[in-house]
PDB file of N, CA and C in Angstrom:
ATOM      1  N   UNK A   1      60.098 105.809  98.677  1.00  0.00           N
ATOM      2  CA  UNK A   1      61.379 105.810  98.025  1.00  0.00           C
ATOM      3  C   UNK A   1      61.698 104.377  97.603  1.00  0.00           C
ATOM      4  N   UNK A   2      61.118 103.949  96.520  1.00  0.00           N
ATOM      5  CA  UNK A   2      61.324 102.590  96.024  1.00  0.00           C
ATOM      6  C   UNK A   2      62.260 102.613  94.835  1.00  0.00           C
ATOM      7  N   UNK A   3      63.543 102.573  95.117  1.00  0.00           N
ATOM      8  CA  UNK A   3      64.531 102.489  94.048  1.00  0.00           C
ATOM      9  C   UNK A   3      64.870 101.028  93.849  1.00  0.00           C
ATOM     10  N   UNK A   4      65.299 100.739  92.651  1.00  0.00           N
ATOM     11  CA  UNK A   4      65.736  99.375  92.381  1.00  0.00           C
ATOM     12  C   UNK A   4      67.211  99.261  92.748  1.00  0.00           C
ATOM     13  N   UNK A   5      67.519  98.337  93.621  1.00  0.00           N
ATOM     14  CA  UNK A   5      68.900  98.062  94.000  1.00  0.00           C
ATOM     15  C   UNK A   5      69.197  96.630  93.587  1.00  0.00           C
ATOM     16  N   UNK A   6      70.213  96.455  92.774  1.00  0.00           N
ATOM     17  CA  UNK A   6      70.535  95.118  92.275  1.00  0.00           C
ATOM     18  C   UNK A   6      71.160  94.261  93.373  1.00  0.00           C
ATOM     19  N   UNK A   7      71.191  92.962  93.125  1.00  0.00           N
ATOM     20  CA  UNK A   7      71.807  92.032  94.076  1.00  0.00           C
ATOM     21  C   UNK A   7      73.289  92.347  94.265  1.00  0.00           C
ATOM     22  N   UNK A   8      73.973  92.679  93.170  1.00  0.00           N
ATOM     23  CA  UNK A   8      75.401  92.998  93.257  1.00  0.00           C
ATOM     24  C   UNK A   8      75.635  94.249  94.092  1.00  0.00           C
ATOM     25  N   UNK A   9      74.802  95.251  93.902  1.00  0.00           N
ATOM     26  CA  UNK A   9      74.926  96.486  94.677  1.00  0.00           C
ATOM     27  C   UNK A   9      74.677  96.195  96.151  1.00  0.00           C
ATOM     28  N   UNK A  10      73.697  95.351  96.437  1.00  0.00           N
ATOM     29  CA  UNK A  10      73.412  95.003  97.824  1.00  0.00           C
ATOM     30  C   UNK A  10      74.590  94.262  98.453  1.00  0.00           C
ATOM     31  N   UNK A  11      75.176  93.315  97.722  1.00  0.00           N
ATOM     32  CA  UNK A  11      76.340  92.588  98.240  1.00  0.00           C
ATOM     33  C   UNK A  11      77.502  93.540  98.508  1.00  0.00           C
ATOM     34  N   UNK A  12      77.701  94.502  97.609  1.00  0.00           N
ATOM     35  CA  UNK A  12      78.749  95.499  97.810  1.00  0.00           C
ATOM     36  C   UNK A  12      78.467  96.309  99.069  1.00  0.00           C
ATOM     37  N   UNK A  13      77.215  96.745  99.235  1.00  0.00           N
ATOM     38  CA  UNK A  13      76.857  97.545 100.402  1.00  0.00           C
ATOM     39  C   UNK A  13      77.089  96.776 101.696  1.00  0.00           C
ATOM     40  N   UNK A  14      76.729  95.503 101.712  1.00  0.00           N
ATOM     41  CA  UNK A  14      76.921  94.681 102.909  1.00  0.00           C
ATOM     42  C   UNK A  14      78.415  94.545 103.214  1.00  0.00           C
ATOM     43  N   UNK A  15      79.216  94.272 102.179  1.00  0.00           N
ATOM     44  CA  UNK A  15      80.671  94.171 102.378  1.00  0.00           C
ATOM     45  C   UNK A  15      81.250  95.487 102.876  1.00  0.00           C
ATOM     46  N   UNK A  16      80.770  96.579 102.312  1.00  0.00           N
ATOM     47  CA  UNK A  16      81.283  97.908 102.684  1.00  0.00           C
ATOM     48  C   UNK A  16      80.951  98.228 104.140  1.00  0.00           C
ATOM     49  N   UNK A  17      79.752  97.892 104.578  1.00  0.00           N
ATOM     50  CA  UNK A  17      79.380  98.125 105.976  1.00  0.00           C
ATOM     51  C   UNK A  17      80.294  97.321 106.896  1.00  0.00           C
ATOM     52  N   UNK A  18      80.574  96.073 106.549  1.00  0.00           N
ATOM     53  CA  UNK A  18      81.482  95.248 107.357  1.00  0.00           C
ATOM     54  C   UNK A  18      82.884  95.856 107.413  1.00  0.00           C
ATOM     55  N   UNK A  19      83.381  96.299 106.262  1.00  0.00           N
ATOM     56  CA  UNK A  19      84.709  96.916 106.217  1.00  0.00           C
ATOM     57  C   UNK A  19      84.752  98.179 107.062  1.00  0.00           C
ATOM     58  N   UNK A  20      83.718  99.004 106.944  1.00  0.00           N
ATOM     59  CA  UNK A  20      83.686 100.250 107.699  1.00  0.00           C
ATOM     60  C   UNK A  20      83.564  99.993 109.196  1.00  0.00           C
ATOM     61  N   UNK A  21      82.858  98.936 109.586  1.00  0.00           N
ATOM     62  CA  UNK A  21      82.778  98.592 111.004  1.00  0.00           C
ATOM     63  C   UNK A  21      84.149  98.234 111.561  1.00  0.00           C
ATOM     64  N   UNK A  22      84.939  97.502 110.791  1.00  0.00           N
ATOM     65  CA  UNK A  22      86.298  97.161 111.223  1.00  0.00           C
ATOM     66  C   UNK A  22      87.155  98.414 111.356  1.00  0.00           C
ATOM     67  N   UNK A  23      87.052  99.316 110.383  1.00  0.00           N
ATOM     68  CA  UNK A  23      87.809 100.566 110.432  1.00  0.00           C
ATOM     69  C   UNK A  23      87.363 101.393 111.632  1.00  0.00           C
ATOM     70  N   UNK A  24      86.070 101.417 111.880  1.00  0.00           N
ATOM     71  CA  UNK A  24      85.532 102.181 113.003  1.00  0.00           C
ATOM     72  C   UNK A  24      86.069 101.657 114.331  1.00  0.00           C
ATOM     73  N   UNK A  25      86.084 100.350 114.506  1.00  0.00           N
ATOM     74  CA  UNK A  25      86.623  99.772 115.737  1.00  0.00           C
ATOM     75  C   UNK A  25      88.095 100.140 115.922  1.00  0.00           C
ATOM     76  N   UNK A  26      88.846 100.096 114.841  1.00  0.00           N
ATOM     77  CA  UNK A  26      90.263 100.460 114.900  1.00  0.00           C
ATOM     78  C   UNK A  26      90.435 101.924 115.301  1.00  0.00           C
ATOM     79  N   UNK A  27      89.639 102.810 114.707  1.00  0.00           N
ATOM     80  CA  UNK A  27      89.729 104.240 115.017  1.00  0.00           C
ATOM     81  C   UNK A  27      89.315 104.517 116.462  1.00  0.00           C
ATOM     82  N   UNK A  28      88.289 103.812 116.963  1.00  0.00           N
ATOM     83  CA  UNK A  28      87.862 104.017 118.343  1.00  0.00           C
ATOM     84  C   UNK A  28      88.926 103.534 119.322  1.00  0.00           C
ATOM     85  N   UNK A  29      89.596 102.428 119.010  1.00  0.00           N
ATOM     86  CA  UNK A  29      90.709 101.967 119.854  1.00  0.00           C
ATOM     87  C   UNK A  29      91.848 102.984 119.830  1.00  0.00           C
ATOM     88  N   UNK A  30      92.120 103.506 118.643  1.00  0.00           N
ATOM     89  CA  UNK A  30      93.173 104.508 118.491  1.00  0.00           C
ATOM     90  C   UNK A  30      92.827 105.770 119.269  1.00  0.00           C
ATOM     91  N   UNK A  31      91.548 106.124 119.304  1.00  0.00           N
ATOM     92  CA  UNK A  31      91.105 107.317 120.021  1.00  0.00           C
ATOM     93  C   UNK A  31      91.387 107.197 121.513  1.00  0.00           C
ATOM     94  N   UNK A  32      91.225 106.001 122.067  1.00  0.00           N
ATOM     95  CA  UNK A  32      91.481 105.798 123.494  1.00  0.00           C
ATOM     96  C   UNK A  32      92.942 106.035 123.855  1.00  0.00           C
ATOM     97  N   UNK A  33      93.854 105.773 122.922  1.00  0.00           N
ATOM     98  CA  UNK A  33      95.285 105.917 123.192  1.00  0.00           C
ATOM     99  C   UNK A  33      95.849 107.264 122.746  1.00  0.00           C
ATOM    100  N   UNK A  34      95.044 108.084 122.094  1.00  0.00           N
ATOM    101  CA  UNK A  34      95.532 109.325 121.508  1.00  0.00           C
ATOM    102  C   UNK A  34      95.569 110.434 122.548  1.00  0.00           C
ATOM    103  N   UNK A  35      96.637 111.206 122.478  1.00  0.00           N
ATOM    104  CA  UNK A  35      96.781 112.365 123.352  1.00  0.00           C
ATOM    105  C   UNK A  35      96.901 113.604 122.478  1.00  0.00           C
ATOM    106  N   UNK A  36      96.482 114.709 123.013  1.00  0.00           N
ATOM    107  CA  UNK A  36      96.552 115.962 122.277  1.00  0.00           C
ATOM    108  C   UNK A  36      95.193 116.338 121.716  1.00  0.00           C
ATOM    109  N   UNK A  37      94.829 117.593 121.919  1.00  0.00           N
ATOM    110  CA  UNK A  37      93.505 118.078 121.524  1.00  0.00           C
ATOM    111  C   UNK A  37      93.246 117.907 120.032  1.00  0.00           C
ATOM    112  N   UNK A  38      94.186 118.340 119.211  1.00  0.00           N
ATOM    113  CA  UNK A  38      93.961 118.311 117.767  1.00  0.00           C
ATOM    114  C   UNK A  38      93.956 116.886 117.211  1.00  0.00           C
ATOM    115  N   UNK A  39      94.774 116.027 117.783  1.00  0.00           N
ATOM    116  CA  UNK A  39      94.770 114.627 117.341  1.00  0.00           C
ATOM    117  C   UNK A  39      93.444 113.952 117.678  1.00  0.00           C
ATOM    118  N   UNK A  40      92.919 114.242 118.877  1.00  0.00           N
ATOM    119  CA  UNK A  40      91.625 113.682 119.281  1.00  0.00           C
ATOM    120  C   UNK A  40      90.526 114.233 118.383  1.00  0.00           C
ATOM    121  N   UNK A  41      90.564 115.529 118.124  1.00  0.00           N
ATOM    122  CA  UNK A  41      89.559 116.160 117.266  1.00  0.00           C
ATOM    123  C   UNK A  41      89.587 115.559 115.863  1.00  0.00           C
ATOM    124  N   UNK A  42      90.780 115.358 115.332  1.00  0.00           N
ATOM    125  CA  UNK A  42      90.925 114.768 113.996  1.00  0.00           C
ATOM    126  C   UNK A  42      90.316 113.366 113.954  1.00  0.00           C
ATOM    127  N   UNK A  43      90.605 112.554 114.967  1.00  0.00           N
ATOM    128  CA  UNK A  43      90.050 111.198 115.012  1.00  0.00           C
ATOM    129  C   UNK A  43      88.534 111.220 115.159  1.00  0.00           C
ATOM    130  N   UNK A  44      88.018 112.128 115.976  1.00  0.00           N
ATOM    131  CA  UNK A  44      86.564 112.215 116.151  1.00  0.00           C
ATOM    132  C   UNK A  44      85.877 112.598 114.848  1.00  0.00           C
ATOM    133  N   UNK A  45      86.497 113.476 114.081  1.00  0.00           N
ATOM    134  CA  UNK A  45      85.928 113.850 112.780  1.00  0.00           C
ATOM    135  C   UNK A  45      85.957 112.673 111.810  1.00  0.00           C
ATOM    136  N   UNK A  46      87.037 111.899 111.832  1.00  0.00           N
ATOM    137  CA  UNK A  46      87.116 110.708 110.981  1.00  0.00           C
ATOM    138  C   UNK A  46      86.049 109.692 111.381  1.00  0.00           C
ATOM    139  N   UNK A  47      85.854 109.518 112.685  1.00  0.00           N
ATOM    140  CA  UNK A  47      84.842 108.583 113.182  1.00  0.00           C
ATOM    141  C   UNK A  47      83.451 109.033 112.763  1.00  0.00           C
ATOM    142  N   UNK A  48      83.210 110.334 112.850  1.00  0.00           N
ATOM    143  CA  UNK A  48      81.907 110.873 112.439  1.00  0.00           C
ATOM    144  C   UNK A  48      81.657 110.606 110.956  1.00  0.00           C
ATOM    145  N   UNK A  49      82.698 110.767 110.143  1.00  0.00           N
ATOM    146  CA  UNK A  49      82.591 110.518 108.703  1.00  0.00           C
ATOM    147  C   UNK A  49      82.287 109.037 108.433  1.00  0.00           C
ATOM    148  N   UNK A  50      82.927 108.153 109.193  1.00  0.00           N
ATOM    149  CA  UNK A  50      82.702 106.715 109.025  1.00  0.00           C
ATOM    150  C   UNK A  50      81.270 106.360 109.405  1.00  0.00           C
ATOM    151  N   UNK A  51      80.763 106.931 110.508  1.00  0.00           N
ATOM    152  CA  UNK A  51      79.378 106.683 110.906  1.00  0.00           C
ATOM    153  C   UNK A  51      78.407 107.110 109.807  1.00  0.00           C
ATOM    154  N   UNK A  52      78.707 108.236 109.173  1.00  0.00           N
ATOM    155  CA  UNK A  52      77.849 108.741 108.097  1.00  0.00           C
ATOM    156  C   UNK A  52      77.828 107.771 106.915  1.00  0.00           C
ATOM    157  N   UNK A  53      78.995 107.234 106.555  1.00  0.00           N
ATOM    158  CA  UNK A  53      79.069 106.269 105.457  1.00  0.00           C
ATOM    159  C   UNK A  53      78.341 104.977 105.809  1.00  0.00           C
ATOM    160  N   UNK A  54      78.523 104.503 107.044  1.00  0.00           N
ATOM    161  CA  UNK A  54      77.831 103.287 107.480  1.00  0.00           C
ATOM    162  C   UNK A  54      76.326 103.493 107.399  1.00  0.00           C
ATOM    163  N   UNK A  55      75.878 104.662 107.800  1.00  0.00           N
ATOM    164  CA  UNK A  55      74.448 104.968 107.745  1.00  0.00           C
ATOM    165  C   UNK A  55      73.935 104.942 106.311  1.00  0.00           C
ATOM    166  N   UNK A  56      74.711 105.514 105.392  1.00  0.00           N
ATOM    167  CA  UNK A  56      74.303 105.553 103.983  1.00  0.00           C
ATOM    168  C   UNK A  56      74.200 104.143 103.403  1.00  0.00           C
ATOM    169  N   UNK A  57      75.258 103.362 103.563  1.00  0.00           N
ATOM    170  CA  UNK A  57      75.256 102.002 103.017  1.00  0.00           C
ATOM    171  C   UNK A  57      74.242 101.121 103.739  1.00  0.00           C
ATOM    172  N   UNK A  58      74.132 101.299 105.042  1.00  0.00           N
ATOM    173  CA  UNK A  58      73.184 100.507 105.826  1.00  0.00           C
ATOM    174  C   UNK A  58      71.746 100.773 105.441  1.00  0.00           C
ATOM    175  N   UNK A  59      71.423 102.032 105.144  1.00  0.00           N
ATOM    176  CA  UNK A  59      70.050 102.343 104.748  1.00  0.00           C
ATOM    177  C   UNK A  59      69.713 101.719 103.396  1.00  0.00           C
ATOM    178  N   UNK A  60      70.698 101.655 102.496  1.00  0.00           N
ATOM    179  CA  UNK A  60      70.465 100.997 101.209  1.00  0.00           C
ATOM    180  C   UNK A  60      70.255  99.500 101.391  1.00  0.00           C
ATOM    181  N   UNK A  61      71.005  98.897 102.315  1.00  0.00           N
ATOM    182  CA  UNK A  61      70.828  97.471 102.602  1.00  0.00           C
ATOM    183  C   UNK A  61      69.435  97.232 103.172  1.00  0.00           C
ATOM    184  N   UNK A  62      69.020  98.071 104.106  1.00  0.00           N
ATOM    185  CA  UNK A  62      67.698  97.916 104.716  1.00  0.00           C
ATOM    186  C   UNK A  62      66.589  98.104 103.679  1.00  0.00           C
ATOM    187  N   UNK A  63      66.754  99.076 102.790  1.00  0.00           N
ATOM    188  CA  UNK A  63      65.761  99.308 101.742  1.00  0.00           C
ATOM    189  C   UNK A  63      65.661  98.096 100.817  1.00  0.00           C
ATOM    190  N   UNK A  64      66.805  97.530 100.450  1.00  0.00           N
ATOM    191  CA  UNK A  64      66.823  96.348  99.585  1.00  0.00           C
ATOM    192  C   UNK A  64      66.123  95.177 100.264  1.00  0.00           C
ATOM    193  N   UNK A  65      66.456  94.934 101.530  1.00  0.00           N
ATOM    194  CA  UNK A  65      65.847  93.824 102.264  1.00  0.00           C
ATOM    195  C   UNK A  65      64.343  94.038 102.422  1.00  0.00           C
ATOM    196  N   UNK A  66      63.932  95.277 102.658  1.00  0.00           N
ATOM    197  CA  UNK A  66      62.510  95.590 102.791  1.00  0.00           C
ATOM    198  C   UNK A  66      61.777  95.335 101.476  1.00  0.00           C
ATOM    199  N   UNK A  67      62.361  95.791 100.361  1.00  0.00           N
ATOM    200  CA  UNK A  67      61.746  95.559  99.048  1.00  0.00           C
ATOM    201  C   UNK A  67      61.671  94.070  98.735  1.00  0.00           C
ATOM    202  N   UNK A  68      62.725  93.344  99.061  1.00  0.00           N
ATOM    203  CA  UNK A  68      62.764  91.903  98.825  1.00  0.00           C
ATOM    204  C   UNK A  68      61.683  91.200  99.651  1.00  0.00           C
ATOM    205  N   UNK A  69      61.526  91.610 100.895  1.00  0.00           N
ATOM    206  CA  UNK A  69      60.511  91.037 101.777  1.00  0.00           C
ATOM    207  C   UNK A  69      59.109  91.334 101.249  1.00  0.00           C
ATOM    208  N   UNK A  70      58.871  92.580 100.831  1.00  0.00           N
ATOM    209  CA  UNK A  70      57.556  92.961 100.315  1.00  0.00           C
ATOM    210  C   UNK A  70      57.222  92.229  99.020  1.00  0.00           C
ATOM    211  N   UNK A  71      58.219  92.020  98.168  1.00  0.00           N
ATOM    212  CA  UNK A  71      57.983  91.306  96.911  1.00  0.00           C
ATOM    213  C   UNK A  71      57.647  89.840  97.155  1.00  0.00           C
ATOM    214  N   UNK A  72      58.174  89.270  98.219  1.00  0.00           N
ATOM    215  CA  UNK A  72      57.908  87.858  98.491  1.00  0.00           C
ATOM    216  C   UNK A  72      56.452  87.630  98.902  1.00  0.00           C
ATOM    217  N   UNK A  73      55.787  88.664  99.418  1.00  0.00           N
ATOM    218  CA  UNK A  73      54.389  88.528  99.818  1.00  0.00           C
ATOM    219  C   UNK A  73      53.416  88.953  98.728  1.00  0.00           C
ATOM    220  N   UNK A  74      53.920  89.511  97.656  1.00  0.00           N
ATOM    221  CA  UNK A  74      53.033  89.937  96.557  1.00  0.00           C
ATOM    222  C   UNK A  74      52.941  88.914  95.482  1.00  0.00           C
TER     223      UNK A  74
END
């Protein structure tokens, strides 16, 4: 899966992962203080969604770095 990812797209992905990590930490702190089954369930679903986004952006960052590393040796 060798797609071309531009430098700008990579910078965006890195920034997005950082932003999502901050949001994730906030949601996890909020989860510790939350009471009520449905409120906890709602937060857990939001956290799961954030993890999925981090995974998507993170995999693109890793692919870009891998391609960049491989190109430097060719």
